Amino acid sequence: MYSVRPLPEFDAWLRGLADKTVQRRLVVRLRKAALGNLGDVKSVGHGISEMREHFGAGWRMYFVMRDGQLVVMLG
């Protein structure tokens, strides 16, 4: 299990998504990550990884792991 801590900029981006279906799917993905199921993840270098979602245009959420916390930075 992980503690998921979105940065304020990420929260603002997520809340601002016009497509509420996409927004809900990304929130579900974050909940699964909190339970320890990171799903399709790829390292992009320098300790940064991306959670990849394969629907629509192909969504990505970028994060780092810090002391058992998954810090979500960008979407």
N, C-alpha and C. Protein backbone atom coordinates (compact mmCIF):
# COMPACT_ATOMS: atom_id res chain seq x y z
N MET A 1 0.85 -1.19 0.00
CA MET A 1 0.00 0.00 0.00
C MET A 1 0.88 1.24 0.00
N TYR A 2 0.37 2.27 -0.62
CA TYR A 2 1.09 3.54 -0.71
C TYR A 2 0.20 4.67 -0.22
N SER A 3 0.84 5.67 0.30
CA SER A 3 0.15 6.92 0.57
C SER A 3 0.29 7.76 -0.70
N VAL A 4 -0.83 8.13 -1.30
CA VAL A 4 -0.81 8.92 -2.54
C VAL A 4 -0.97 10.38 -2.17
N ARG A 5 -0.01 11.19 -2.60
CA ARG A 5 -0.04 12.62 -2.27
C ARG A 5 0.08 13.43 -3.55
N PRO A 6 -1.05 13.84 -4.12
CA PRO A 6 -0.99 14.69 -5.32
C PRO A 6 -0.53 16.10 -4.97
N LEU A 7 0.30 16.66 -5.81
CA LEU A 7 0.69 18.06 -5.64
C LEU A 7 -0.50 18.95 -6.00
N PRO A 8 -0.56 20.16 -5.45
CA PRO A 8 -1.69 21.06 -5.73
C PRO A 8 -1.90 21.30 -7.23
N GLU A 9 -0.82 21.38 -7.98
CA GLU A 9 -0.94 21.62 -9.42
C GLU A 9 -1.62 20.44 -10.11
N PHE A 10 -1.31 19.22 -9.65
CA PHE A 10 -1.96 18.05 -10.21
C PHE A 10 -3.44 18.05 -9.87
N ASP A 11 -3.76 18.33 -8.61
CA ASP A 11 -5.18 18.38 -8.20
C ASP A 11 -5.96 19.39 -9.04
N ALA A 12 -5.38 20.55 -9.26
CA ALA A 12 -6.06 21.58 -10.06
C ALA A 12 -6.27 21.09 -11.49
N TRP A 13 -5.25 20.44 -12.06
CA TRP A 13 -5.37 19.91 -13.41
C TRP A 13 -6.48 18.85 -13.48
N LEU A 14 -6.48 17.92 -12.51
CA LEU A 14 -7.46 16.84 -12.51
C LEU A 14 -8.88 17.39 -12.35
N ARG A 15 -9.06 18.31 -11.42
CA ARG A 15 -10.40 18.92 -11.23
C ARG A 15 -10.85 19.70 -12.45
N GLY A 16 -9.90 20.23 -13.20
CA GLY A 16 -10.23 21.05 -14.37
C GLY A 16 -10.50 20.28 -15.64
N LEU A 17 -10.36 18.96 -15.62
CA LEU A 17 -10.64 18.18 -16.83
C LEU A 17 -12.10 18.32 -17.23
N ALA A 18 -12.33 18.64 -18.47
CA ALA A 18 -13.70 18.81 -18.97
C ALA A 18 -14.43 17.48 -19.07
N ASP A 19 -13.71 16.43 -19.41
CA ASP A 19 -14.31 15.10 -19.58
C ASP A 19 -14.36 14.40 -18.22
N LYS A 20 -15.52 14.37 -17.61
CA LYS A 20 -15.67 13.81 -16.26
C LYS A 20 -15.47 12.30 -16.25
N THR A 21 -15.71 11.62 -17.37
CA THR A 21 -15.44 10.18 -17.45
C THR A 21 -13.95 9.92 -17.33
N VAL A 22 -13.14 10.70 -18.03
CA VAL A 22 -11.69 10.59 -17.92
C VAL A 22 -11.26 10.90 -16.50
N GLN A 23 -11.81 11.94 -15.93
CA GLN A 23 -11.47 12.32 -14.56
C GLN A 23 -11.75 11.16 -13.59
N ARG A 24 -12.91 10.53 -13.71
CA ARG A 24 -13.26 9.41 -12.83
C ARG A 24 -12.30 8.24 -13.02
N ARG A 25 -11.94 7.94 -14.27
CA ARG A 25 -11.04 6.82 -14.53
C ARG A 25 -9.66 7.06 -13.93
N LEU A 26 -9.19 8.29 -13.98
CA LEU A 26 -7.89 8.60 -13.40
C LEU A 26 -7.94 8.55 -11.87
N VAL A 27 -9.03 8.99 -11.28
CA VAL A 27 -9.19 8.90 -9.83
C VAL A 27 -9.21 7.43 -9.39
N VAL A 28 -9.91 6.58 -10.14
CA VAL A 28 -9.92 5.15 -9.83
C VAL A 28 -8.51 4.58 -9.90
N ARG A 29 -7.75 4.99 -10.90
CA ARG A 29 -6.37 4.52 -11.03
C ARG A 29 -5.55 4.92 -9.82
N LEU A 30 -5.72 6.13 -9.32
CA LEU A 30 -4.99 6.58 -8.13
C LEU A 30 -5.40 5.77 -6.90
N ARG A 31 -6.68 5.44 -6.80
CA ARG A 31 -7.14 4.61 -5.67
C ARG A 31 -6.51 3.22 -5.72
N LYS A 32 -6.42 2.64 -6.92
CA LYS A 32 -5.78 1.33 -7.06
C LYS A 32 -4.31 1.43 -6.68
N ALA A 33 -3.65 2.51 -7.08
CA ALA A 33 -2.24 2.71 -6.72
C ALA A 33 -2.08 2.77 -5.21
N ALA A 34 -3.00 3.44 -4.53
CA ALA A 34 -2.93 3.54 -3.07
C ALA A 34 -3.03 2.17 -2.42
N LEU A 35 -3.73 1.24 -3.08
CA LEU A 35 -3.86 -0.12 -2.56
C LEU A 35 -2.68 -1.01 -2.93
N GLY A 36 -1.71 -0.44 -3.66
CA GLY A 36 -0.52 -1.18 -4.01
C GLY A 36 -0.49 -1.69 -5.44
N ASN A 37 -1.55 -1.47 -6.19
CA ASN A 37 -1.62 -1.91 -7.59
C ASN A 37 -1.29 -0.74 -8.50
N LEU A 38 -0.01 -0.62 -8.86
CA LEU A 38 0.40 0.49 -9.71
C LEU A 38 0.03 0.29 -11.17
N GLY A 39 -0.21 -0.95 -11.57
CA GLY A 39 -0.61 -1.21 -12.96
C GLY A 39 0.54 -0.97 -13.93
N ASP A 40 0.23 -0.46 -15.10
CA ASP A 40 1.21 -0.23 -16.16
C ASP A 40 2.03 1.02 -15.83
N VAL A 41 3.27 0.79 -15.41
CA VAL A 41 4.16 1.87 -14.98
C VAL A 41 5.47 1.74 -15.74
N LYS A 42 6.03 2.87 -16.13
CA LYS A 42 7.31 2.89 -16.83
C LYS A 42 8.17 4.01 -16.26
N SER A 43 9.45 3.70 -16.03
CA SER A 43 10.39 4.73 -15.58
C SER A 43 10.71 5.64 -16.76
N VAL A 44 10.76 6.95 -16.47
CA VAL A 44 11.16 7.91 -17.50
C VAL A 44 12.50 8.55 -17.16
N GLY A 45 13.11 8.10 -16.06
CA GLY A 45 14.44 8.58 -15.69
C GLY A 45 14.45 9.53 -14.51
N HIS A 46 15.59 9.61 -13.86
CA HIS A 46 15.82 10.51 -12.71
C HIS A 46 14.82 10.28 -11.58
N GLY A 47 14.39 9.02 -11.39
CA GLY A 47 13.46 8.68 -10.31
C GLY A 47 12.01 8.97 -10.61
N ILE A 48 11.72 9.45 -11.80
CA ILE A 48 10.35 9.78 -12.19
C ILE A 48 9.78 8.62 -13.01
N SER A 49 8.54 8.25 -12.71
CA SER A 49 7.85 7.20 -13.45
C SER A 49 6.51 7.72 -13.94
N GLU A 50 5.95 6.98 -14.89
CA GLU A 50 4.62 7.35 -15.38
C GLU A 50 3.68 6.17 -15.24
N MET A 51 2.47 6.46 -14.76
CA MET A 51 1.37 5.50 -14.79
C MET A 51 0.69 5.71 -16.12
N ARG A 52 0.61 4.64 -16.90
CA ARG A 52 0.08 4.77 -18.25
C ARG A 52 -1.34 4.21 -18.32
N GLU A 53 -2.22 4.98 -18.89
CA GLU A 53 -3.61 4.57 -19.13
C GLU A 53 -3.82 4.50 -20.63
N HIS A 54 -4.34 3.39 -21.08
CA HIS A 54 -4.51 3.17 -22.52
C HIS A 54 -5.98 3.31 -22.91
N PHE A 55 -6.49 4.51 -22.83
CA PHE A 55 -7.82 4.83 -23.34
C PHE A 55 -7.77 6.24 -23.88
N GLY A 56 -8.65 6.55 -24.78
CA GLY A 56 -8.67 7.88 -25.37
C GLY A 56 -7.33 8.18 -26.02
N ALA A 57 -6.80 9.33 -25.70
CA ALA A 57 -5.53 9.77 -26.29
C ALA A 57 -4.33 9.07 -25.65
N GLY A 58 -4.56 8.28 -24.60
CA GLY A 58 -3.46 7.66 -23.86
C GLY A 58 -3.00 8.61 -22.77
N TRP A 59 -3.53 8.47 -21.59
CA TRP A 59 -3.25 9.38 -20.48
C TRP A 59 -2.05 8.92 -19.68
N ARG A 60 -1.33 9.87 -19.11
CA ARG A 60 -0.16 9.59 -18.28
C ARG A 60 -0.25 10.43 -17.00
N MET A 61 0.16 9.82 -15.89
CA MET A 61 0.30 10.55 -14.63
C MET A 61 1.72 10.30 -14.14
N TYR A 62 2.48 11.35 -13.93
CA TYR A 62 3.89 11.25 -13.57
C TYR A 62 4.05 11.37 -12.06
N PHE A 63 4.92 10.52 -11.51
CA PHE A 63 5.07 10.48 -10.05
C PHE A 63 6.50 10.11 -9.66
N VAL A 64 6.79 10.36 -8.39
CA VAL A 64 8.02 9.90 -7.75
C VAL A 64 7.63 9.17 -6.48
N MET A 65 8.50 8.26 -6.04
CA MET A 65 8.29 7.56 -4.78
C MET A 65 9.21 8.19 -3.74
N ARG A 66 8.66 8.59 -2.62
CA ARG A 66 9.44 9.19 -1.53
C ARG A 66 8.95 8.62 -0.20
N ASP A 67 9.80 7.87 0.47
CA ASP A 67 9.50 7.34 1.81
C ASP A 67 8.12 6.69 1.89
N GLY A 68 7.82 5.81 0.95
CA GLY A 68 6.54 5.11 0.95
C GLY A 68 5.37 5.92 0.43
N GLN A 69 5.64 7.14 0.00
CA GLN A 69 4.59 7.98 -0.57
C GLN A 69 4.75 8.03 -2.07
N LEU A 70 3.65 7.96 -2.75
CA LEU A 70 3.63 8.14 -4.19
C LEU A 70 3.19 9.58 -4.41
N VAL A 71 4.11 10.42 -4.88
CA VAL A 71 3.84 11.84 -5.06
C VAL A 71 3.52 12.07 -6.54
N VAL A 72 2.26 12.40 -6.81
CA VAL A 72 1.80 12.60 -8.18
C VAL A 72 2.04 14.06 -8.54
N MET A 73 2.81 14.26 -9.63
CA MET A 73 3.25 15.60 -9.96
C MET A 73 2.50 16.18 -11.14
N LEU A 74 2.38 15.43 -12.22
CA LEU A 74 1.82 15.96 -13.47
C LEU A 74 0.88 14.95 -14.08
N GLY A 75 -0.03 15.46 -14.89
CA GLY A 75 -0.91 14.58 -15.66
C GLY A 75 -0.99 15.04 -17.07
